[in-house]
Amino acid sequence: MSALPPITELLCHADVMLLLDRLIYADATTARSESTVRADNIFFQAPNGVPAYVGFELMAQTISAFDGLKRIAIGKPVVMGFLIGARKYSTVKPFFAEGETLVTEVIALLGEEEMGSFQCRILNPAGEQLASATINTFRPEDTEAFLRTQLQ
């Protein structure tokens, strides 16, 4: 895929919940995003930084941005998806430090219609792995209709 749209066009997240700065790479099965840890991050805990467990949300947002990019490419709107669960989330440190640049990589393992499974990693710019997990997702074709059926 060529020029990538701004991250705000790829996600339903907004304001303080938008944790990614940009999507930096995408092909048929893999996407990478970049984010810099800042003190204005809603999860920032001075003086330590952002807790490493927030990496789980970086992974989920990268998956969502990847899905948004694919949907835009086929003329469909960006829609909300759901994180179903994760396996073996692990990190090498308890916090991501202020100013640290994080590259989140997601690789599609399974992508059948509405269900997805992704191998995810958070790397530093040198390519060293800081966190990893396998994340399972559900993105209904019509999110609003799905939510209405759940609320009845």
N, C-alpha and C. Protein backbone atom coordinates (compact mmCIF):
# COMPACT_ATOMS: atom_id res chain seq x y z
N MET A 1 0.85 -1.17 0.00
CA MET A 1 0.00 0.00 0.00
C MET A 1 0.89 1.23 0.00
N SER A 2 0.50 2.24 -0.75
CA SER A 2 1.33 3.43 -0.90
C SER A 2 1.14 4.40 0.26
N ALA A 3 0.95 5.67 -0.04
CA ALA A 3 0.85 6.68 1.01
C ALA A 3 -0.25 6.33 2.01
N LEU A 4 0.11 6.38 3.26
CA LEU A 4 -0.83 6.01 4.32
C LEU A 4 -1.56 7.25 4.84
N PRO A 5 -2.86 7.14 5.04
CA PRO A 5 -3.64 8.28 5.54
C PRO A 5 -3.26 8.62 6.99
N PRO A 6 -3.62 9.81 7.44
CA PRO A 6 -3.42 10.17 8.84
C PRO A 6 -4.14 9.17 9.74
N ILE A 7 -3.59 8.93 10.90
CA ILE A 7 -4.13 7.94 11.83
C ILE A 7 -5.57 8.28 12.23
N THR A 8 -5.91 9.55 12.27
CA THR A 8 -7.26 9.96 12.65
C THR A 8 -8.31 9.51 11.64
N GLU A 9 -7.90 9.21 10.41
CA GLU A 9 -8.83 8.72 9.39
C GLU A 9 -9.00 7.21 9.44
N LEU A 10 -8.15 6.53 10.20
CA LEU A 10 -8.15 5.07 10.22
C LEU A 10 -8.81 4.47 11.46
N LEU A 11 -9.02 5.28 12.47
CA LEU A 11 -9.54 4.79 13.76
C LEU A 11 -10.79 5.53 14.17
N CYS A 12 -11.62 4.86 14.96
CA CYS A 12 -12.77 5.51 15.58
C CYS A 12 -12.36 6.23 16.86
N HIS A 13 -11.17 5.95 17.37
CA HIS A 13 -10.68 6.57 18.60
C HIS A 13 -10.44 8.07 18.37
N ALA A 14 -10.61 8.84 19.40
CA ALA A 14 -10.40 10.29 19.28
C ALA A 14 -9.88 10.84 20.60
N ASP A 15 -9.43 12.06 20.51
CA ASP A 15 -8.97 12.81 21.67
C ASP A 15 -7.96 12.02 22.50
N VAL A 16 -8.19 11.94 23.80
CA VAL A 16 -7.20 11.33 24.69
C VAL A 16 -7.06 9.83 24.51
N MET A 17 -8.04 9.18 23.89
CA MET A 17 -7.93 7.73 23.70
C MET A 17 -7.19 7.34 22.42
N LEU A 18 -6.84 8.30 21.59
CA LEU A 18 -6.04 8.01 20.40
C LEU A 18 -4.58 7.99 20.83
N LEU A 19 -4.00 6.80 20.93
CA LEU A 19 -2.65 6.65 21.47
C LEU A 19 -1.57 6.55 20.40
N LEU A 20 -1.96 6.32 19.16
CA LEU A 20 -0.98 6.17 18.07
C LEU A 20 -0.71 7.52 17.40
N ASP A 21 0.52 7.70 16.95
CA ASP A 21 0.87 8.92 16.21
C ASP A 21 0.64 8.73 14.72
N ARG A 22 0.98 7.54 14.20
CA ARG A 22 0.85 7.31 12.77
C ARG A 22 0.97 5.83 12.46
N LEU A 23 0.42 5.45 11.33
CA LEU A 23 0.66 4.13 10.76
C LEU A 23 1.86 4.31 9.84
N ILE A 24 2.90 3.48 10.00
CA ILE A 24 4.13 3.69 9.23
C ILE A 24 4.36 2.63 8.16
N TYR A 25 3.59 1.53 8.22
CA TYR A 25 3.77 0.47 7.23
C TYR A 25 2.53 -0.41 7.21
N ALA A 26 2.18 -0.87 6.01
CA ALA A 26 1.10 -1.85 5.89
C ALA A 26 1.25 -2.60 4.58
N ASP A 27 1.06 -3.91 4.64
CA ASP A 27 0.95 -4.73 3.44
C ASP A 27 -0.26 -5.64 3.66
N ALA A 28 -0.36 -6.72 2.94
CA ALA A 28 -1.55 -7.58 3.02
C ALA A 28 -1.76 -8.23 4.38
N THR A 29 -0.68 -8.48 5.12
CA THR A 29 -0.81 -9.21 6.39
C THR A 29 -0.21 -8.50 7.60
N THR A 30 0.53 -7.45 7.38
CA THR A 30 1.29 -6.82 8.47
C THR A 30 1.08 -5.31 8.48
N ALA A 31 1.03 -4.75 9.68
CA ALA A 31 0.99 -3.30 9.84
C ALA A 31 1.88 -2.90 11.00
N ARG A 32 2.43 -1.69 10.90
CA ARG A 32 3.24 -1.13 11.98
C ARG A 32 2.80 0.31 12.24
N SER A 33 2.71 0.63 13.51
CA SER A 33 2.38 2.00 13.91
C SER A 33 3.53 2.53 14.76
N GLU A 34 3.50 3.83 14.95
CA GLU A 34 4.52 4.47 15.78
C GLU A 34 3.82 5.39 16.77
N SER A 35 4.33 5.41 17.98
CA SER A 35 3.82 6.32 19.00
C SER A 35 4.97 6.73 19.90
N THR A 36 4.91 7.93 20.39
CA THR A 36 5.91 8.45 21.31
C THR A 36 5.25 8.66 22.67
N VAL A 37 5.88 8.19 23.71
CA VAL A 37 5.34 8.31 25.06
C VAL A 37 5.48 9.77 25.49
N ARG A 38 4.34 10.36 25.83
CA ARG A 38 4.31 11.77 26.25
C ARG A 38 3.61 11.92 27.60
N ALA A 39 3.96 12.98 28.30
CA ALA A 39 3.38 13.24 29.61
C ALA A 39 1.88 13.54 29.52
N ASP A 40 1.39 13.96 28.35
CA ASP A 40 -0.04 14.25 28.22
C ASP A 40 -0.86 13.00 27.86
N ASN A 41 -0.22 11.84 27.78
CA ASN A 41 -0.93 10.58 27.56
C ASN A 41 -1.83 10.32 28.76
N ILE A 42 -3.08 9.94 28.52
CA ILE A 42 -4.05 9.74 29.60
C ILE A 42 -3.58 8.69 30.62
N PHE A 43 -2.71 7.79 30.20
CA PHE A 43 -2.23 6.73 31.09
C PHE A 43 -0.89 7.04 31.75
N PHE A 44 -0.31 8.21 31.45
CA PHE A 44 1.01 8.56 31.96
C PHE A 44 0.99 8.67 33.49
N GLN A 45 1.99 8.06 34.12
CA GLN A 45 2.13 8.11 35.58
C GLN A 45 3.52 8.66 35.90
N ALA A 46 3.57 9.94 36.23
CA ALA A 46 4.85 10.57 36.56
C ALA A 46 5.40 9.93 37.83
N PRO A 47 6.68 9.74 37.94
CA PRO A 47 7.73 10.03 36.97
C PRO A 47 8.08 8.83 36.08
N ASN A 48 7.30 7.75 36.18
CA ASN A 48 7.68 6.50 35.53
C ASN A 48 7.40 6.43 34.03
N GLY A 49 6.29 7.00 33.59
CA GLY A 49 5.89 6.91 32.19
C GLY A 49 4.54 6.23 32.06
N VAL A 50 4.36 5.52 30.96
CA VAL A 50 3.10 4.81 30.69
C VAL A 50 3.30 3.34 31.09
N PRO A 51 2.40 2.79 31.92
CA PRO A 51 2.54 1.39 32.31
C PRO A 51 2.58 0.49 31.07
N ALA A 52 3.43 -0.51 31.14
CA ALA A 52 3.62 -1.40 29.99
C ALA A 52 2.34 -2.14 29.62
N TYR A 53 1.42 -2.31 30.56
CA TYR A 53 0.16 -2.99 30.21
C TYR A 53 -0.65 -2.20 29.19
N VAL A 54 -0.38 -0.91 29.04
CA VAL A 54 -1.06 -0.09 28.04
C VAL A 54 -0.62 -0.51 26.63
N GLY A 55 0.48 -1.22 26.54
CA GLY A 55 0.92 -1.76 25.26
C GLY A 55 -0.15 -2.61 24.60
N PHE A 56 -0.96 -3.24 25.41
CA PHE A 56 -2.08 -4.04 24.93
C PHE A 56 -3.01 -3.17 24.09
N GLU A 57 -3.28 -1.95 24.55
CA GLU A 57 -4.14 -1.01 23.81
C GLU A 57 -3.44 -0.50 22.55
N LEU A 58 -2.13 -0.31 22.60
CA LEU A 58 -1.39 0.08 21.39
C LEU A 58 -1.54 -0.99 20.32
N MET A 59 -1.46 -2.24 20.74
CA MET A 59 -1.64 -3.35 19.80
C MET A 59 -3.04 -3.34 19.21
N ALA A 60 -4.04 -3.17 20.06
CA ALA A 60 -5.43 -3.17 19.61
C ALA A 60 -5.69 -2.00 18.65
N GLN A 61 -5.15 -0.83 18.94
CA GLN A 61 -5.35 0.32 18.05
C GLN A 61 -4.63 0.12 16.72
N THR A 62 -3.48 -0.54 16.74
CA THR A 62 -2.78 -0.81 15.48
C THR A 62 -3.59 -1.78 14.63
N ILE A 63 -4.18 -2.79 15.26
CA ILE A 63 -5.06 -3.72 14.53
C ILE A 63 -6.24 -2.95 13.94
N SER A 64 -6.83 -2.07 14.73
CA SER A 64 -7.97 -1.29 14.27
C SER A 64 -7.59 -0.37 13.10
N ALA A 65 -6.42 0.27 13.19
CA ALA A 65 -5.96 1.13 12.09
C ALA A 65 -5.72 0.31 10.83
N PHE A 66 -5.18 -0.89 10.97
CA PHE A 66 -4.95 -1.80 9.85
C PHE A 66 -6.28 -2.15 9.20
N ASP A 67 -7.28 -2.48 10.01
CA ASP A 67 -8.61 -2.79 9.50
C ASP A 67 -9.21 -1.57 8.81
N GLY A 68 -9.05 -0.39 9.42
CA GLY A 68 -9.56 0.84 8.82
C GLY A 68 -8.94 1.10 7.46
N LEU A 69 -7.65 0.87 7.34
CA LEU A 69 -6.96 1.06 6.06
C LEU A 69 -7.51 0.12 5.00
N LYS A 70 -7.71 -1.13 5.37
CA LYS A 70 -8.25 -2.11 4.43
C LYS A 70 -9.67 -1.75 4.01
N ARG A 71 -10.48 -1.29 4.96
CA ARG A 71 -11.86 -0.93 4.64
C ARG A 71 -11.90 0.29 3.72
N ILE A 72 -11.08 1.29 3.98
CA ILE A 72 -11.03 2.47 3.12
C ILE A 72 -10.64 2.07 1.70
N ALA A 73 -9.70 1.15 1.57
CA ALA A 73 -9.22 0.70 0.25
C ALA A 73 -10.32 0.08 -0.60
N ILE A 74 -11.36 -0.47 0.05
CA ILE A 74 -12.45 -1.09 -0.71
C ILE A 74 -13.74 -0.26 -0.64
N GLY A 75 -13.58 1.00 -0.21
CA GLY A 75 -14.71 1.92 -0.22
C GLY A 75 -15.69 1.77 0.91
N LYS A 76 -15.28 1.12 2.00
CA LYS A 76 -16.15 0.96 3.15
C LYS A 76 -15.73 1.92 4.26
N PRO A 77 -16.67 2.28 5.14
CA PRO A 77 -16.31 3.19 6.23
C PRO A 77 -15.52 2.47 7.33
N VAL A 78 -14.78 3.25 8.06
CA VAL A 78 -14.07 2.74 9.24
C VAL A 78 -15.11 2.48 10.32
N VAL A 79 -15.03 1.31 10.95
CA VAL A 79 -15.99 0.96 11.99
C VAL A 79 -15.25 0.46 13.23
N MET A 80 -15.97 0.46 14.33
CA MET A 80 -15.42 0.00 15.59
C MET A 80 -15.36 -1.53 15.61
N GLY A 81 -14.31 -2.06 16.19
CA GLY A 81 -14.19 -3.49 16.40
C GLY A 81 -14.07 -3.77 17.89
N PHE A 82 -14.00 -5.04 18.23
CA PHE A 82 -13.94 -5.44 19.63
C PHE A 82 -12.75 -6.35 19.87
N LEU A 83 -12.07 -6.10 20.94
CA LEU A 83 -10.98 -6.95 21.37
C LEU A 83 -11.60 -8.09 22.17
N ILE A 84 -11.45 -9.30 21.69
CA ILE A 84 -12.07 -10.45 22.34
C ILE A 84 -11.18 -10.98 23.47
N GLY A 85 -9.88 -10.99 23.24
CA GLY A 85 -8.98 -11.48 24.27
C GLY A 85 -7.55 -11.51 23.80
N ALA A 86 -6.67 -11.85 24.72
CA ALA A 86 -5.24 -11.92 24.40
C ALA A 86 -4.64 -13.13 25.08
N ARG A 87 -3.60 -13.63 24.46
CA ARG A 87 -2.84 -14.73 25.04
C ARG A 87 -1.41 -14.29 25.24
N LYS A 88 -0.90 -14.62 26.40
CA LYS A 88 0.52 -14.46 26.70
C LYS A 88 1.06 -13.05 26.49
N TYR A 89 0.36 -12.04 27.02
CA TYR A 89 0.91 -10.69 26.96
C TYR A 89 2.11 -10.64 27.88
N SER A 90 3.25 -10.26 27.35
CA SER A 90 4.45 -10.16 28.18
C SER A 90 5.23 -8.91 27.82
N THR A 91 5.89 -8.37 28.81
CA THR A 91 6.71 -7.17 28.62
C THR A 91 8.06 -7.39 29.29
N VAL A 92 9.04 -6.61 28.86
CA VAL A 92 10.37 -6.72 29.44
C VAL A 92 10.62 -5.67 30.52
N LYS A 93 9.67 -4.75 30.68
CA LYS A 93 9.81 -3.71 31.71
C LYS A 93 8.44 -3.23 32.13
N PRO A 94 8.33 -2.62 33.31
CA PRO A 94 7.01 -2.24 33.81
C PRO A 94 6.44 -0.95 33.20
N PHE A 95 7.29 -0.08 32.66
CA PHE A 95 6.83 1.20 32.11
C PHE A 95 7.55 1.52 30.81
N PHE A 96 6.85 2.25 29.93
CA PHE A 96 7.47 2.86 28.76
C PHE A 96 7.77 4.30 29.16
N ALA A 97 9.03 4.72 29.02
CA ALA A 97 9.48 6.01 29.52
C ALA A 97 9.07 7.18 28.63
N GLU A 98 8.92 8.35 29.26
CA GLU A 98 8.60 9.57 28.52
C GLU A 98 9.66 9.80 27.44
N GLY A 99 9.19 10.11 26.24
CA GLY A 99 10.08 10.36 25.11
C GLY A 99 10.42 9.11 24.31
N GLU A 100 10.12 7.94 24.84
CA GLU A 100 10.43 6.69 24.15
C GLU A 100 9.52 6.52 22.93
N THR A 101 10.12 6.13 21.81
CA THR A 101 9.36 5.84 20.59
C THR A 101 9.08 4.35 20.55
N LEU A 102 7.80 4.01 20.33
CA LEU A 102 7.36 2.62 20.30
C LEU A 102 6.84 2.29 18.90
N VAL A 103 7.31 1.18 18.35
CA VAL A 103 6.81 0.69 17.07
C VAL A 103 6.00 -0.56 17.38
N THR A 104 4.72 -0.52 17.04
CA THR A 104 3.84 -1.65 17.29
C THR A 104 3.59 -2.37 15.97
N GLU A 105 3.88 -3.66 15.95
CA GLU A 105 3.73 -4.47 14.75
C GLU A 105 2.64 -5.51 14.98
N VAL A 106 1.73 -5.64 14.02
CA VAL A 106 0.69 -6.66 14.08
C VAL A 106 0.75 -7.48 12.79
N ILE A 107 0.69 -8.79 12.95
CA ILE A 107 0.72 -9.71 11.81
C ILE A 107 -0.54 -10.56 11.88
N ALA A 108 -1.33 -10.53 10.82
CA ALA A 108 -2.58 -11.30 10.78
C ALA A 108 -2.27 -12.78 10.71
N LEU A 109 -2.80 -13.52 11.67
CA LEU A 109 -2.69 -14.98 11.66
C LEU A 109 -3.95 -15.61 11.10
N LEU A 110 -5.08 -14.95 11.35
CA LEU A 110 -6.38 -15.42 10.90
C LEU A 110 -7.22 -14.20 10.62
N GLY A 111 -7.88 -14.18 9.50
CA GLY A 111 -8.74 -13.07 9.15
C GLY A 111 -9.92 -13.57 8.36
N GLU A 112 -10.88 -14.14 9.03
CA GLU A 112 -12.05 -14.69 8.37
C GLU A 112 -13.25 -13.80 8.65
N GLU A 113 -13.60 -12.99 7.64
CA GLU A 113 -14.75 -12.11 7.76
C GLU A 113 -14.64 -11.23 9.01
N GLU A 114 -15.42 -11.56 10.03
CA GLU A 114 -15.51 -10.70 11.20
C GLU A 114 -14.52 -11.04 12.31
N MET A 115 -13.94 -12.22 12.26
CA MET A 115 -13.01 -12.65 13.31
C MET A 115 -11.57 -12.46 12.85
N GLY A 116 -10.69 -12.13 13.80
CA GLY A 116 -9.28 -11.98 13.48
C GLY A 116 -8.41 -12.42 14.63
N SER A 117 -7.20 -12.83 14.30
CA SER A 117 -6.19 -13.17 15.30
C SER A 117 -4.87 -12.60 14.80
N PHE A 118 -4.13 -11.95 15.69
CA PHE A 118 -2.93 -11.24 15.32
C PHE A 118 -1.79 -11.52 16.29
N GLN A 119 -0.61 -11.76 15.73
CA GLN A 119 0.61 -11.82 16.53
C GLN A 119 1.11 -10.38 16.62
N CYS A 120 1.30 -9.89 17.83
CA CYS A 120 1.64 -8.49 18.04
C CYS A 120 2.95 -8.34 18.81
N ARG A 121 3.69 -7.30 18.45
CA ARG A 121 4.92 -6.98 19.16
C ARG A 121 5.06 -5.47 19.27
N ILE A 122 5.65 -5.02 20.35
CA ILE A 122 6.07 -3.63 20.49
C ILE A 122 7.59 -3.64 20.50
N LEU A 123 8.16 -2.82 19.64
CA LEU A 123 9.61 -2.76 19.48
C LEU A 123 10.10 -1.34 19.75
N ASN A 124 11.37 -1.24 20.13
CA ASN A 124 11.98 0.08 20.14
C ASN A 124 12.53 0.34 18.73
N PRO A 125 13.00 1.55 18.43
CA PRO A 125 13.48 1.84 17.08
C PRO A 125 14.65 0.95 16.63
N ALA A 126 15.38 0.36 17.57
CA ALA A 126 16.49 -0.54 17.22
C ALA A 126 16.00 -1.95 16.90
N GLY A 127 14.69 -2.18 17.06
CA GLY A 127 14.13 -3.49 16.76
C GLY A 127 14.08 -4.45 17.93
N GLU A 128 14.45 -3.99 19.12
CA GLU A 128 14.40 -4.85 20.30
C GLU A 128 12.95 -4.96 20.78
N GLN A 129 12.52 -6.19 21.08
CA GLN A 129 11.15 -6.43 21.50
C GLN A 129 10.94 -6.01 22.94
N LEU A 130 9.90 -5.19 23.15
CA LEU A 130 9.55 -4.71 24.49
C LEU A 130 8.31 -5.40 25.05
N ALA A 131 7.43 -5.84 24.15
CA ALA A 131 6.20 -6.52 24.58
C ALA A 131 5.69 -7.39 23.43
N SER A 132 4.90 -8.41 23.79
CA SER A 132 4.32 -9.28 22.76
C SER A 132 3.04 -9.90 23.27
N ALA A 133 2.17 -10.30 22.33
CA ALA A 133 0.92 -10.98 22.66
C ALA A 133 0.28 -11.48 21.37
N THR A 134 -0.66 -12.39 21.53
CA THR A 134 -1.55 -12.77 20.44
C THR A 134 -2.91 -12.21 20.80
N ILE A 135 -3.50 -11.44 19.91
CA ILE A 135 -4.77 -10.77 20.19
C ILE A 135 -5.84 -11.28 19.23
N ASN A 136 -7.01 -11.57 19.79
CA ASN A 136 -8.16 -12.00 19.01
C ASN A 136 -9.19 -10.88 18.96
N THR A 137 -9.78 -10.67 17.78
CA THR A 137 -10.69 -9.56 17.58
C THR A 137 -11.99 -10.01 16.91
N PHE A 138 -13.00 -9.16 17.05
CA PHE A 138 -14.28 -9.35 16.39
C PHE A 138 -14.71 -7.99 15.86
N ARG A 139 -14.97 -7.91 14.55
CA ARG A 139 -15.45 -6.67 13.96
C ARG A 139 -16.67 -6.99 13.11
N PRO A 140 -17.86 -6.78 13.69
CA PRO A 140 -19.07 -7.05 12.91
C PRO A 140 -19.17 -6.10 11.72
N GLU A 141 -19.77 -6.55 10.66
CA GLU A 141 -19.94 -5.70 9.47
C GLU A 141 -20.77 -4.47 9.82
N ASP A 142 -21.79 -4.65 10.66
CA ASP A 142 -22.63 -3.54 11.08
C ASP A 142 -22.56 -3.45 12.62
N THR A 143 -21.63 -2.66 13.11
CA THR A 143 -21.39 -2.56 14.55
C THR A 143 -22.62 -2.07 15.30
N GLU A 144 -23.30 -1.06 14.76
CA GLU A 144 -24.47 -0.51 15.45
C GLU A 144 -25.58 -1.57 15.57
N ALA A 145 -25.82 -2.31 14.52
CA ALA A 145 -26.83 -3.37 14.57
C ALA A 145 -26.44 -4.44 15.59
N PHE A 146 -25.16 -4.79 15.61
CA PHE A 146 -24.69 -5.78 16.57
C PHE A 146 -24.91 -5.30 18.00
N LEU A 147 -24.57 -4.05 18.27
CA LEU A 147 -24.73 -3.52 19.62
C LEU A 147 -26.21 -3.46 20.02
N ARG A 148 -27.07 -3.10 19.08
CA ARG A 148 -28.51 -3.08 19.39
C ARG A 148 -29.00 -4.46 19.81
N THR A 149 -28.53 -5.52 19.13
CA THR A 149 -28.97 -6.86 19.49
C THR A 149 -28.44 -7.27 20.87
N GLN A 150 -27.31 -6.72 21.27
CA GLN A 150 -26.74 -7.05 22.56
C GLN A 150 -27.42 -6.33 23.71
N LEU A 151 -28.06 -5.22 23.41
CA LEU A 151 -28.70 -4.42 24.44
C LEU A 151 -30.16 -4.77 24.67
N GLN A 152 -30.69 -5.69 23.89
CA GLN A 152 -32.10 -6.07 24.02
C GLN A 152 -32.29 -7.04 25.15
